[in-house]
Amino acid sequence: ETHSLPELLVRYGVNDWLELRFATNYEVGGAGNPVSANSPDDLAEEAELEEEANVSYGLKLALLAQNGWTPRSALILQGATPTAGVATDTHFHATYVTGWTLQDGWTWDSSIRVGTGSLEDDRFQVWAPSSVVKFPLSERWKGHVEYFGVFSEGRARETTQHFFSPGAHVMLTE
């Protein structure tokens, strides 16, 4: 019932250790955003038509390079500001990412994200662990399977959600 577009993420590598990021998304239909821990935990008989849009901005800092069993790691700092809908609060997130490049172009990455969340007058934290395995399908295409969870902390009505996400990626440039 929810449609999301364009889910655009633009990343620009300034150098070997710094990447600037800009994203935008528009959602219409359904109810609540599970990534912000604002989804209802009970389903109403009829979902109200909702609209929300946001822009996010931030940076990714490389911390360690992979060295044997020591994984590569990075820190992502990001803000998100609503541009449409009833939400007006800007939220901030910090994500620690770690992972390995495996044989034959496979990668395994995991992360833990913590950020601010709100729903009306309720202010809380949102935790989101994830783990993803990416595998080559061709020279420019990769597939992935991912688990991620979204958990609120300090919310008047706590939420816990689990997700499984298969997908594909295409490299437009080298």
Protein backbone atom coordinates (compact mmCIF):
# COMPACT_ATOMS: atom_id res chain seq x y z
CA GLU A 1 0.00 0.00 0.00
CA THR A 2 3.00 2.31 0.31
CA HIS A 3 4.80 3.63 -2.75
CA SER A 4 8.28 5.09 -2.41
CA LEU A 5 10.17 6.98 -5.08
CA PRO A 6 12.75 7.90 -6.23
CA GLU A 7 14.82 6.62 -3.25
CA LEU A 8 17.78 8.48 -4.67
CA LEU A 9 21.21 8.27 -3.01
CA VAL A 10 24.10 10.26 -4.48
CA ARG A 11 27.56 9.55 -3.09
CA TYR A 12 30.68 11.53 -3.98
CA GLY A 13 34.13 10.32 -2.97
CA VAL A 14 36.23 13.35 -2.02
CA ASN A 15 39.30 11.18 -1.37
CA ASP A 16 40.18 7.68 -0.08
CA TRP A 17 38.69 8.28 3.37
CA LEU A 18 35.80 10.77 2.90
CA GLU A 19 32.52 10.38 1.01
CA LEU A 20 29.78 13.04 0.89
CA ARG A 21 26.18 11.82 0.68
CA PHE A 22 22.85 13.30 -0.37
CA ALA A 23 19.55 11.41 -0.57
CA THR A 24 15.89 12.11 -1.16
CA ASN A 25 12.75 10.04 -0.90
CA TYR A 26 9.01 10.55 -1.33
CA GLU A 27 6.44 8.11 0.12
CA VAL A 28 2.69 8.06 -0.35
CA GLY A 29 0.06 5.64 0.96
CA GLY A 30 0.10 3.17 3.81
CA ALA A 31 0.93 4.17 7.34
CA GLY A 32 4.11 4.92 9.23
CA ASN A 33 7.74 4.43 8.33
CA PRO A 34 9.34 1.26 9.75
CA VAL A 35 12.86 2.64 9.33
CA SER A 36 12.03 5.47 11.74
CA ALA A 37 10.29 3.06 14.19
CA ASN A 38 7.02 4.90 13.53
CA SER A 39 5.05 1.94 12.15
CA PRO A 40 1.94 0.90 13.99
CA ASP A 41 2.19 -2.46 15.71
CA ASP A 42 -1.48 -3.10 15.09
CA LEU A 43 -3.08 -2.82 11.66
CA ALA A 44 -6.14 -0.65 11.22
CA GLU A 45 -8.90 -1.96 8.97
CA GLU A 46 -8.35 0.88 6.52
CA ALA A 47 -4.97 2.53 6.04
CA GLU A 48 -5.10 6.29 5.72
CA LEU A 49 -3.39 7.91 2.75
CA GLU A 50 -0.22 9.48 4.11
CA GLU A 51 2.45 11.51 2.39
CA GLU A 52 5.97 12.18 3.52
CA ALA A 53 9.19 13.25 1.87
CA ASN A 54 12.65 14.01 3.16
CA VAL A 55 16.17 14.90 2.21
CA SER A 56 19.17 13.48 3.99
CA TYR A 57 22.74 14.66 3.97
CA GLY A 58 25.90 13.50 5.57
CA LEU A 59 29.29 11.92 5.22
CA LYS A 60 31.06 8.61 5.47
CA LEU A 61 34.52 8.38 7.03
CA ALA A 62 36.75 5.37 6.38
CA LEU A 63 38.32 4.17 9.65
CA LEU A 64 40.22 0.93 8.94
CA ALA A 65 41.16 -1.02 5.81
CA GLN A 66 40.67 -4.78 5.69
CA ASN A 67 43.81 -6.63 6.79
CA GLY A 68 43.46 -10.41 6.99
CA TRP A 69 40.75 -11.17 9.54
CA THR A 70 40.57 -7.51 10.61
CA PRO A 71 37.53 -6.07 8.79
CA ARG A 72 37.34 -2.70 7.07
CA SER A 73 35.23 -0.19 8.96
CA ALA A 74 33.63 3.21 8.52
CA LEU A 75 31.48 5.75 10.34
CA ILE A 76 28.44 7.35 8.66
CA LEU A 77 27.01 10.57 10.12
CA GLN A 78 23.70 11.67 8.63
CA GLY A 79 20.87 14.13 9.11
CA ALA A 80 17.37 13.87 7.63
CA THR A 81 14.92 16.75 7.26
CA PRO A 82 11.27 16.35 6.20
CA THR A 83 10.17 18.31 3.12
CA ALA A 84 6.52 17.14 2.93
CA GLY A 85 3.99 15.55 5.27
CA VAL A 86 3.08 16.13 8.89
CA ALA A 87 6.55 15.43 10.37
CA THR A 88 8.66 18.51 11.07
CA ASP A 89 11.56 17.17 13.18
CA THR A 90 15.06 16.80 11.76
CA HIS A 91 16.73 13.59 12.92
CA PHE A 92 20.37 12.57 13.19
CA HIS A 93 21.90 9.11 12.87
CA ALA A 94 25.33 7.62 13.46
CA THR A 95 26.20 4.27 11.89
CA TYR A 96 29.25 2.06 12.46
CA VAL A 97 29.85 -0.20 9.45
CA THR A 98 32.24 -3.14 9.29
CA GLY A 99 32.81 -5.92 6.79
CA TRP A 100 35.00 -8.10 4.65
CA THR A 101 35.58 -8.65 0.95
CA LEU A 102 35.50 -12.41 0.48
CA GLN A 103 36.59 -14.68 -2.38
CA ASP A 104 35.20 -14.25 -5.91
CA GLY A 105 33.84 -10.73 -5.30
CA TRP A 106 31.48 -11.62 -2.46
CA THR A 107 31.20 -9.16 0.45
CA TRP A 108 29.75 -9.44 3.94
CA ASP A 109 28.94 -6.20 5.74
CA SER A 110 27.25 -5.51 9.07
CA SER A 111 26.33 -2.31 10.85
CA ILE A 112 24.71 -0.81 13.89
CA ARG A 113 22.86 2.50 13.57
CA VAL A 114 21.51 4.69 16.35
CA GLY A 115 19.54 7.86 15.84
CA THR A 116 16.82 10.13 17.06
CA GLY A 117 13.14 9.50 16.41
CA SER A 118 9.87 11.24 17.14
CA LEU A 119 6.16 10.78 16.72
CA GLU A 120 4.00 13.75 17.69
CA ASP A 121 5.28 14.74 21.19
CA ASP A 122 7.12 11.45 21.81
CA ARG A 123 10.95 11.59 21.48
CA PHE A 124 13.03 8.39 21.45
CA GLN A 125 16.08 6.60 20.05
CA VAL A 126 16.02 4.19 17.13
CA TRP A 127 18.48 1.28 16.91
CA ALA A 128 18.94 -0.57 13.62
CA PRO A 129 21.35 -3.52 13.30
CA SER A 130 21.87 -5.09 9.87
CA SER A 131 23.91 -7.69 8.04
CA VAL A 132 24.11 -8.12 4.25
CA VAL A 133 25.86 -10.50 1.87
CA LYS A 134 26.45 -9.21 -1.69
CA PHE A 135 27.43 -11.48 -4.56
CA PRO A 136 28.35 -10.82 -8.22
CA LEU A 137 25.79 -11.61 -10.91
CA SER A 138 27.84 -10.10 -13.77
CA GLU A 139 30.53 -7.46 -14.26
CA ARG A 140 28.17 -4.56 -13.40
CA TRP A 141 25.38 -6.30 -11.44
CA LYS A 142 25.35 -7.64 -7.87
CA GLY A 143 22.65 -9.35 -5.86
CA HIS A 144 22.18 -9.15 -2.09
CA VAL A 145 20.36 -10.73 0.82
CA GLU A 146 19.99 -8.65 3.96
CA TYR A 147 18.56 -8.86 7.46
CA PHE A 148 17.86 -5.66 9.37
CA GLY A 149 15.92 -4.82 12.47
CA VAL A 150 14.48 -1.57 13.80
CA PHE A 151 14.01 -1.15 17.55
CA SER A 152 12.82 1.88 19.47
CA GLU A 153 14.16 2.80 22.90
CA GLY A 154 12.46 5.29 25.20
CA ARG A 155 9.29 5.42 23.10
CA ALA A 156 5.94 5.58 24.89
CA ARG A 157 4.89 2.46 22.94
CA GLU A 158 8.04 0.52 22.03
CA THR A 159 8.38 -1.12 18.60
CA THR A 160 10.47 -4.05 17.43
CA GLN A 161 10.53 -5.03 13.76
CA HIS A 162 12.55 -7.53 11.71
CA PHE A 163 13.04 -7.49 7.93
CA PHE A 164 14.55 -9.69 5.22
CA SER A 165 15.46 -7.93 1.98
CA PRO A 166 16.67 -9.50 -1.28
CA GLY A 167 17.72 -7.14 -4.06
CA ALA A 168 20.03 -6.16 -6.90
CA HIS A 169 22.49 -3.35 -7.62
CA VAL A 170 23.87 -1.99 -10.87
CA MET A 171 27.12 0.00 -11.19
CA LEU A 172 26.52 2.92 -13.55
CA THR A 173 30.17 4.03 -13.47
CA GLU A 174 33.43 2.50 -12.33
